C-alpha atoms as a PDB file:
ATOM      1  CA  MET A   1      28.979  16.728 -19.022  1.00  0.00           C
ATOM      2  CA  LYS A   2      24.936  17.490 -18.717  1.00  0.00           C
ATOM      3  CA  GLN A   3      23.445  14.764 -16.755  1.00  0.00           C
ATOM      4  CA  PRO A   4      20.588  12.623 -18.616  1.00  0.00           C
ATOM      5  CA  ALA A   5      17.028  13.609 -18.669  1.00  0.00           C
ATOM      6  CA  ILE A   6      16.251  10.212 -17.599  1.00  0.00           C
ATOM      7  CA  SER A   7      18.571  10.210 -14.796  1.00  0.00           C
ATOM      8  CA  ILE A   8      17.224  14.020 -13.256  1.00  0.00           C
ATOM      9  CA  ARG A   9      13.898  12.074 -13.006  1.00  0.00           C
ATOM     10  CA  THR A  10      14.730   9.702 -11.622  1.00  0.00           C
ATOM     11  CA  ASP A  11      16.394  11.234  -8.769  1.00  0.00           C
ATOM     12  CA  SER A  12      13.354  14.131  -8.816  1.00  0.00           C
ATOM     13  CA  LEU A  13      11.083  11.098  -7.865  1.00  0.00           C
ATOM     14  CA  LEU A  14      13.106   9.201  -5.840  1.00  0.00           C
ATOM     15  CA  GLN A  15      13.255  12.762  -3.598  1.00  0.00           C
ATOM     16  CA  GLU A  16       9.561  12.922  -3.346  1.00  0.00           C
ATOM     17  CA  LEU A  17       9.044   9.444  -1.654  1.00  0.00           C
ATOM     18  CA  PRO A  18       8.772   9.226   1.654  1.00  0.00           C
ATOM     19  CA  ILE A  19      10.958   7.065   2.534  1.00  0.00           C
ATOM     20  CA  PHE A  20      14.002   9.052   0.577  1.00  0.00           C
ATOM     21  CA  ARG A  21      12.714  12.224   1.920  1.00  0.00           C
ATOM     22  CA  GLY A  22      15.066  14.328   3.750  1.00  0.00           C
ATOM     23  CA  LEU A  23      18.622  13.202   1.775  1.00  0.00           C
ATOM     24  CA  PRO A  24      20.434  15.456   0.471  1.00  0.00           C
ATOM     25  CA  GLY A  25      20.538  15.290  -3.666  1.00  0.00           C
ATOM     26  CA  GLY A  26      23.732  13.834  -3.749  1.00  0.00           C
ATOM     27  CA  ASP A  27      22.822  10.783  -1.765  1.00  0.00           C
ATOM     28  CA  VAL A  28      19.661  10.074  -3.716  1.00  0.00           C
ATOM     29  CA  ALA A  29      21.835  10.491  -6.847  1.00  0.00           C
ATOM     30  CA  GLU A  30      24.189   7.241  -5.614  1.00  0.00           C
ATOM     31  CA  LEU A  31      21.204   5.636  -4.349  1.00  0.00           C
ATOM     32  CA  ARG A  32      19.597   5.563  -7.932  1.00  0.00           C
ATOM     33  CA  THR A  33      23.165   4.445  -9.482  1.00  0.00           C
ATOM     34  CA  VAL A  34      22.464   0.862  -7.426  1.00  0.00           C
ATOM     35  CA  MET A  35      18.945   0.471  -7.601  1.00  0.00           C
ATOM     36  CA  GLY A  36      17.105  -1.567  -9.921  1.00  0.00           C
ATOM     37  CA  GLU A  37      14.088  -1.448 -11.250  1.00  0.00           C
ATOM     38  CA  ARG A  38      10.672  -3.393 -12.800  1.00  0.00           C
ATOM     39  CA  ASN A  39       7.335  -2.844 -14.082  1.00  0.00           C
ATOM     40  CA  PHE A  40       4.492  -5.249 -13.069  1.00  0.00           C
ATOM     41  CA  ARG A  41       0.981  -5.975 -14.892  1.00  0.00           C
ATOM     42  CA  ARG A  42      -1.969  -5.890 -12.889  1.00  0.00           C
ATOM     43  CA  ASN A  43      -2.572  -8.687 -10.608  1.00  0.00           C
ATOM     44  CA  GLU A  44       1.158 -10.119 -11.270  1.00  0.00           C
ATOM     45  CA  VAL A  45       2.668 -11.173  -8.342  1.00  0.00           C
ATOM     46  CA  ILE A  46       5.594  -9.244  -6.964  1.00  0.00           C
ATOM     47  CA  LEU A  47       6.593 -11.442  -4.026  1.00  0.00           C
ATOM     48  CA  PHE A  48       5.500 -14.642  -3.121  1.00  0.00           C
ATOM     49  CA  GLU A  49       5.100 -15.726   0.468  1.00  0.00           C
ATOM     50  CA  GLU A  50       7.718 -17.527   1.837  1.00  0.00           C
ATOM     51  CA  ASP A  51      10.164 -16.108  -0.780  1.00  0.00           C
ATOM     52  CA  THR A  52      13.331 -14.364   1.062  1.00  0.00           C
ATOM     53  CA  PRO A  53      13.753 -11.208  -0.617  1.00  0.00           C
ATOM     54  CA  ARG A  54      16.960  -9.758  -1.104  1.00  0.00           C
ATOM     55  CA  CYS A  55      15.705  -6.597  -1.774  1.00  0.00           C
ATOM     56  CA  LEU A  56      13.744  -3.641  -0.525  1.00  0.00           C
ATOM     57  CA  TYR A  57      11.141  -2.442  -2.814  1.00  0.00           C
ATOM     58  CA  VAL A  58       9.599   1.081  -3.243  1.00  0.00           C
ATOM     59  CA  ILE A  59       6.673   1.965  -5.317  1.00  0.00           C
ATOM     60  CA  TYR A  60       7.422   4.244  -7.974  1.00  0.00           C
ATOM     61  CA  GLU A  61       4.028   4.038  -9.418  1.00  0.00           C
ATOM     62  CA  GLY A  62       1.030   1.879  -8.869  1.00  0.00           C
ATOM     63  CA  ARG A  63      -0.357   0.209  -6.025  1.00  0.00           C
ATOM     64  CA  VAL A  64      -0.113  -2.977  -4.483  1.00  0.00           C
ATOM     65  CA  LYS A  65      -1.778  -5.649  -1.874  1.00  0.00           C
ATOM     66  CA  VAL A  66      -0.023  -7.341   0.542  1.00  0.00           C
ATOM     67  CA  ALA A  67      -1.881 -10.585   1.655  1.00  0.00           C
ATOM     68  CA  GLN A  68      -2.087 -13.949   2.637  1.00  0.00           C
ATOM     69  CA  ILE A  69      -3.821 -17.244   1.668  1.00  0.00           C
ATOM     70  CA  ASP A  70      -5.635 -19.192   4.548  1.00  0.00           C
ATOM     71  CA  GLU A  71      -5.946 -23.253   4.781  1.00  0.00           C
ATOM     72  CA  GLU A  72      -9.516 -23.369   2.929  1.00  0.00           C
ATOM     73  CA  GLY A  73      -7.703 -20.968  -0.031  1.00  0.00           C
ATOM     74  CA  ARG A  74      -9.122 -17.520   1.039  1.00  0.00           C
ATOM     75  CA  GLU A  75      -7.294 -14.790   0.428  1.00  0.00           C
ATOM     76  CA  GLN A  76      -7.249 -12.141   3.588  1.00  0.00           C
ATOM     77  CA  ILE A  77      -5.426  -8.790   2.387  1.00  0.00           C
ATOM     78  CA  LEU A  78      -3.144  -7.461   5.149  1.00  0.00           C
ATOM     79  CA  ALA A  79      -2.412  -3.962   4.058  1.00  0.00           C
ATOM     80  CA  VAL A  80      -2.260  -1.921   0.427  1.00  0.00           C
ATOM     81  CA  HIS A  81       0.454   0.016  -0.425  1.00  0.00           C
ATOM     82  CA  LYS A  82       0.543   2.987  -2.836  1.00  0.00           C
ATOM     83  CA  ARG A  83       3.076   5.206  -3.855  1.00  0.00           C
ATOM     84  CA  GLY A  84       5.836   6.133  -2.179  1.00  0.00           C
ATOM     85  CA  ASP A  85       5.211   3.369   0.302  1.00  0.00           C
ATOM     86  CA  PHE A  86       7.908   0.042   0.657  1.00  0.00           C
ATOM     87  CA  PHE A  87       7.991  -3.442   1.317  1.00  0.00           C
ATOM     88  CA  GLY A  88      10.114  -6.391   1.743  1.00  0.00           C
ATOM     89  CA  GLU A  89      11.854  -5.110   4.808  1.00  0.00           C
ATOM     90  CA  MET A  90      11.354  -7.347   7.556  1.00  0.00           C
ATOM     91  CA  ALA A  91      12.663 -10.088   5.497  1.00  0.00           C
ATOM     92  CA  LEU A  92      15.428  -7.908   4.405  1.00  0.00           C
ATOM     93  CA  LEU A  93      16.085  -6.686   8.252  1.00  0.00           C
ATOM     94  CA  ASP A  94      16.188 -10.519   9.817  1.00  0.00           C
ATOM     95  CA  GLY A  95      17.386 -12.804   6.891  1.00  0.00           C
ATOM     96  CA  LYS A  96      13.373 -14.931   7.013  1.00  0.00           C
ATOM     97  CA  THR A  97      11.282 -15.524   4.278  1.00  0.00           C
ATOM     98  CA  SER A  98       8.572 -13.208   3.538  1.00  0.00           C
ATOM     99  CA  PRO A  99       5.462 -13.537   5.800  1.00  0.00           C
ATOM    100  CA  ALA A 100       2.820 -12.717   2.910  1.00  0.00           C
ATOM    101  CA  ARG A 101       2.909 -12.009  -0.988  1.00  0.00           C
ATOM    102  CA  VAL A 102       2.870  -8.742  -2.465  1.00  0.00           C
ATOM    103  CA  VAL A 103       0.431  -8.138  -5.898  1.00  0.00           C
ATOM    104  CA  ALA A 104       0.242  -5.314  -8.120  1.00  0.00           C
ATOM    105  CA  LEU A 105      -3.406  -4.199  -7.652  1.00  0.00           C
ATOM    106  CA  GLU A 106      -2.739  -1.976 -11.553  1.00  0.00           C
ATOM    107  CA  GLU A 107       0.098  -1.342 -13.885  1.00  0.00           C
ATOM    108  CA  THR A 108       2.751  -0.859 -11.249  1.00  0.00           C
ATOM    109  CA  ARG A 109       6.479   0.553 -11.418  1.00  0.00           C
ATOM    110  CA  VAL A 110       8.899  -0.725  -8.608  1.00  0.00           C
ATOM    111  CA  GLY A 111      12.628  -0.112  -7.591  1.00  0.00           C
ATOM    112  CA  PHE A 112      14.530  -2.268  -5.823  1.00  0.00           C
ATOM    113  CA  LEU A 113      17.506  -1.964  -3.498  1.00  0.00           C
ATOM    114  CA  GLY A 114      19.815  -4.697  -2.652  1.00  0.00           C
ATOM    115  CA  ARG A 115      20.730  -5.830   0.975  1.00  0.00           C
ATOM    116  CA  ALA A 116      24.396  -4.880   0.702  1.00  0.00           C
ATOM    117  CA  ASP A 117      23.408  -1.531  -0.711  1.00  0.00           C
ATOM    118  CA  PHE A 118      20.552  -1.208   2.038  1.00  0.00           C
ATOM    119  CA  GLU A 119      22.718  -1.770   4.871  1.00  0.00           C
ATOM    120  CA  THR A 120      25.746   0.552   3.782  1.00  0.00           C
ATOM    121  CA  ARG A 121      24.106   3.465   1.886  1.00  0.00           C
ATOM    122  CA  PHE A 122      20.627   3.411   3.459  1.00  0.00           C
ATOM    123  CA  LEU A 123      20.707   2.286   7.014  1.00  0.00           C
ATOM    124  CA  SER A 124      24.004   3.497   7.923  1.00  0.00           C
ATOM    125  CA  ASN A 125      22.131   7.171   6.760  1.00  0.00           C
ATOM    126  CA  PRO A 126      21.056   8.493   9.888  1.00  0.00           C
ATOM    127  CA  ILE A 127      18.142  10.484   8.395  1.00  0.00           C
ATOM    128  CA  ALA A 128      17.057   7.509   6.267  1.00  0.00           C
ATOM    129  CA  ALA A 129      17.236   5.190   9.426  1.00  0.00           C
ATOM    130  CA  ARG A 130      15.715   7.618  11.521  1.00  0.00           C
ATOM    131  CA  GLN A 131      12.447   8.109   7.936  1.00  0.00           C
ATOM    132  CA  ILE A 132      12.464   4.322   7.447  1.00  0.00           C
ATOM    133  CA  MET A 133      11.547   3.930  11.261  1.00  0.00           C
ATOM    134  CA  SER A 134       8.853   6.615  11.268  1.00  0.00           C
ATOM    135  CA  LEU A 135       7.251   4.354   8.432  1.00  0.00           C
ATOM    136  CA  LEU A 136       7.651   1.501  10.034  1.00  0.00           C
ATOM    137  CA  CYS A 137       5.597   2.745  13.137  1.00  0.00           C
ATOM    138  CA  GLU A 138       2.539   3.704  10.471  1.00  0.00           C
ATOM    139  CA  ARG A 139       2.943   0.202   9.120  1.00  0.00           C
ATOM    140  CA  LEU A 140       2.532  -1.044  13.021  1.00  0.00           C
ATOM    141  CA  ARG A 141      -0.211   1.425  13.241  1.00  0.00           C
ATOM    142  CA  ASP A 142      -1.931  -0.189   9.882  1.00  0.00           C
ATOM    143  CA  ALA A 143      -1.407  -3.425  11.620  1.00  0.00           C
ATOM    144  CA  TRP A 144      -3.187  -2.820  14.866  1.00  0.00           C
ATOM    145  CA  PHE A 145      -5.951  -1.187  12.488  1.00  0.00           C
ATOM    146  CA  MET A 146      -6.502  -4.668  10.771  1.00  0.00           C
ATOM    147  CA  LEU A 147      -6.540  -6.219  14.255  1.00  0.00           C
ATOM    148  CA  LYS A 148      -9.578  -4.127  15.225  1.00  0.00           C
ATOM    149  CA  VAL A 149     -11.422  -4.481  12.042  1.00  0.00           C
ATOM    150  CA  LEU A 150     -11.233  -8.457  12.401  1.00  0.00           C
ATOM    151  CA  ASN A 151     -12.622  -7.864  16.102  1.00  0.00           C
ATOM    152  CA  LEU A 152     -15.887  -6.305  15.263  1.00  0.00           C
ATOM    153  CA  GLN A 153     -18.507  -8.608  14.917  1.00  0.00           C
ATOM    154  CA  ARG A 154     -21.052  -6.555  12.463  1.00  0.00           C
ATOM    155  CA  ALA A 155     -20.004  -7.133   8.773  1.00  0.00           C
ATOM    156  CA  GLU A 156     -21.397  -3.459   7.910  1.00  0.00           C
ATOM    157  CA  ASP A 157     -18.975  -2.160  10.576  1.00  0.00           C
ATOM    158  CA  ARG A 158     -16.117  -3.803   9.191  1.00  0.00           C
ATOM    159  CA  VAL A 159     -17.167  -2.649   5.508  1.00  0.00           C
ATOM    160  CA  ARG A 160     -17.308   1.123   6.924  1.00  0.00           C
ATOM    161  CA  ALA A 161     -14.122   0.932   8.869  1.00  0.00           C
ATOM    162  CA  VAL A 162     -12.071  -0.776   5.403  1.00  0.00           C
ATOM    163  CA  LEU A 163     -14.147   2.302   3.536  1.00  0.00           C
ATOM    164  CA  SER A 164     -12.931   4.748   6.131  1.00  0.00           C
ATOM    165  CA  HIS A 165      -9.202   3.567   5.776  1.00  0.00           C
ATOM    166  CA  MET A 166      -9.042   3.295   2.235  1.00  0.00           C
ATOM    167  CA  ALA A 167     -10.610   6.885   2.110  1.00  0.00           C
ATOM    168  CA  ALA A 168      -7.896   7.912   4.256  1.00  0.00           C
ATOM    169  CA  ARG A 169      -4.725   6.966   2.704  1.00  0.00           C
ATOM    170  CA  PHE A 170      -6.172   7.423  -1.309  1.00  0.00           C
ATOM    171  CA  GLY A 171      -8.727   9.247  -0.754  1.00  0.00           C
ATOM    172  CA  THR A 172      -9.348  13.049  -2.554  1.00  0.00           C
ATOM    173  CA  ARG A 173     -11.711  15.377  -1.534  1.00  0.00           C
ATOM    174  CA  ASP A 174     -13.782  17.957  -3.262  1.00  0.00           C
ATOM    175  CA  ALA A 175     -17.116  18.867  -2.751  1.00  0.00           C
ATOM    176  CA  ARG A 176     -18.954  15.431  -2.977  1.00  0.00           C
ATOM    177  CA  GLY A 177     -17.342  14.155  -0.279  1.00  0.00           C
ATOM    178  CA  THR A 178     -13.868  11.693  -0.408  1.00  0.00           C
ATOM    179  CA  ALA A 179     -13.504   9.895  -3.744  1.00  0.00           C
ATOM    180  CA  ILE A 180     -11.470   6.829  -3.200  1.00  0.00           C
ATOM    181  CA  ARG A 181      -8.185   6.519  -5.879  1.00  0.00           C
ATOM    182  CA  LEU A 182      -8.016   3.191  -5.579  1.00  0.00           C
ATOM    183  CA  ARG A 183     -10.091   0.633  -7.735  1.00  0.00           C
ATOM    184  CA  MET A 184     -11.059  -2.155  -5.961  1.00  0.00           C
ATOM    185  CA  THR A 185     -13.301  -4.795  -6.589  1.00  0.00           C
ATOM    186  CA  HIS A 186     -16.128  -6.127  -4.280  1.00  0.00           C
ATOM    187  CA  SER A 187     -13.973  -9.326  -3.429  1.00  0.00           C
ATOM    188  CA  GLU A 188     -10.791  -7.500  -2.941  1.00  0.00           C
ATOM    189  CA  LEU A 189     -12.915  -5.427  -0.390  1.00  0.00           C
ATOM    190  CA  ALA A 190     -14.387  -8.593   0.879  1.00  0.00           C
ATOM    191  CA  ASP A 191     -10.727 -10.065   0.970  1.00  0.00           C
ATOM    192  CA  TYR A 192      -9.568  -6.947   3.363  1.00  0.00           C
ATOM    193  CA  ALA A 193     -13.060  -7.003   5.750  1.00  0.00           C
ATOM    194  CA  SER A 194     -12.381 -11.029   5.805  1.00  0.00           C
ATOM    195  CA  LEU A 195     -15.940 -11.593   4.775  1.00  0.00           C
ATOM    196  CA  SER A 196     -17.806 -12.907   1.446  1.00  0.00           C
ATOM    197  CA  ARG A 197     -18.331 -11.356  -1.487  1.00  0.00           C
ATOM    198  CA  GLU A 198     -21.873 -11.492  -1.207  1.00  0.00           C
ATOM    199  CA  THR A 199     -22.067 -10.049   2.067  1.00  0.00           C
ATOM    200  CA  VAL A 200     -19.972  -7.034   0.463  1.00  0.00           C
ATOM    201  CA  SER A 201     -21.711  -6.653  -2.548  1.00  0.00           C
ATOM    202  CA  ARG A 202     -25.311  -6.346  -0.569  1.00  0.00           C
ATOM    203  CA  ILE A 203     -23.832  -3.609   2.090  1.00  0.00           C
ATOM    204  CA  LEU A 204     -22.303  -1.275  -0.173  1.00  0.00           C
ATOM    205  CA  LYS A 205     -25.888  -1.265  -2.552  1.00  0.00           C
ATOM    206  CA  ARG A 206     -27.467  -0.975   0.959  1.00  0.00           C
ATOM    207  CA  LEU A 207     -24.937   2.164   1.555  1.00  0.00           C
ATOM    208  CA  GLU A 208     -25.219   3.359  -2.132  1.00  0.00           C
ATOM    209  CA  GLN A 209     -29.448   3.273  -1.670  1.00  0.00           C
ATOM    210  CA  ALA A 210     -28.650   5.428   1.477  1.00  0.00           C
ATOM    211  CA  GLY A 211     -26.552   7.959   0.198  1.00  0.00           C
ATOM    212  CA  GLU A 212     -23.755   7.383   2.090  1.00  0.00           C
ATOM    213  CA  ILE A 213     -21.631   5.987  -1.148  1.00  0.00           C
ATOM    214  CA  SER A 214     -22.037   6.560  -4.924  1.00  0.00           C
ATOM    215  CA  VAL A 215     -19.990   4.322  -7.140  1.00  0.00           C
ATOM    216  CA  LEU A 216     -17.801   6.206  -9.739  1.00  0.00           C
ATOM    217  CA  GLU A 217     -16.263   5.189 -13.239  1.00  0.00           C
ATOM    218  CA  LYS A 218     -14.010   2.430 -12.744  1.00  0.00           C
ATOM    219  CA  ARG A 219     -15.100   0.803  -9.604  1.00  0.00           C
ATOM    220  CA  ARG A 220     -13.908   3.664  -7.877  1.00  0.00           C
ATOM    221  CA  ILE A 221     -16.009   4.916  -4.473  1.00  0.00           C
ATOM    222  CA  LEU A 222     -16.748   8.568  -3.305  1.00  0.00           C
ATOM    223  CA  ILE A 223     -17.821   8.660   0.497  1.00  0.00           C
ATOM    224  CA  THR A 224     -20.328  10.961   0.766  1.00  0.00           C
ATOM    225  CA  PRO A 225     -20.675  13.898   3.931  1.00  0.00           C
ATOM    226  CA  GLY A 226     -23.174  11.497   4.850  1.00  0.00           C
ATOM    227  CA  PHE A 227     -21.188   8.654   5.655  1.00  0.00           C
ATOM    228  CA  GLN A 228     -21.556   7.589   9.096  1.00  0.00           C
ATOM    229  CA  LYS A 229     -17.832   6.271  10.420  1.00  0.00           C
ATOM    230  CA  ILE A 230     -16.602   3.946  12.454  1.00  0.00           C
ATOM    231  CA  ASP A 231     -15.425   5.252  15.749  1.00  0.00           C
ATOM    232  CA  PHE A 232     -12.372   3.857  16.600  1.00  0.00           C
ATOM    233  CA  VAL A 233     -11.334   4.819  12.614  1.00  0.00           C
END
């Protein structure tokens, strides 16, 4: 019997995602049968802080931010995840509550794999287990990066570091420089760098006047060849 086109497209999508890369087609098809799916609007909360998620979440399309709210009500963005990234793994592995909330930065489609299927169909596969270990190491490097950013004393250095990081993860290079595909407001950049929105706006304006960045349509930023990077990035 002919396989439905939607199933073929979903299987192909799963095989393209880093977390499932290298898995045999049959294993991917089996995972698809037990995975759920949901769409989220921009700014919609996918996972609340202190929730106890029972799923591994995988981003099919879109981007999300991982953030915490401090005692004064200010948001600190810890990470931004794109297509192919996953989240919810910490609470899934140790059974504790989620340390941060996850919010859609744009229209986002997410697949989710329940704990039982995660353990029996995913972690039991040596290829999948090695892949998730590699991706968790990458996640740890991102956490170290954020610690370095927060230890920078100059506000401009923090903004430069965040822009460099965004360009590396979400950038597309062309003759003009590197265009950051992710649309982020000044407030969101400020939350990422742990600065005020006004400070970030002043710094971005100064960098634009110096020709180090350009603001493109839909609030996207172009990093020009003249952009001065921070050494540790």
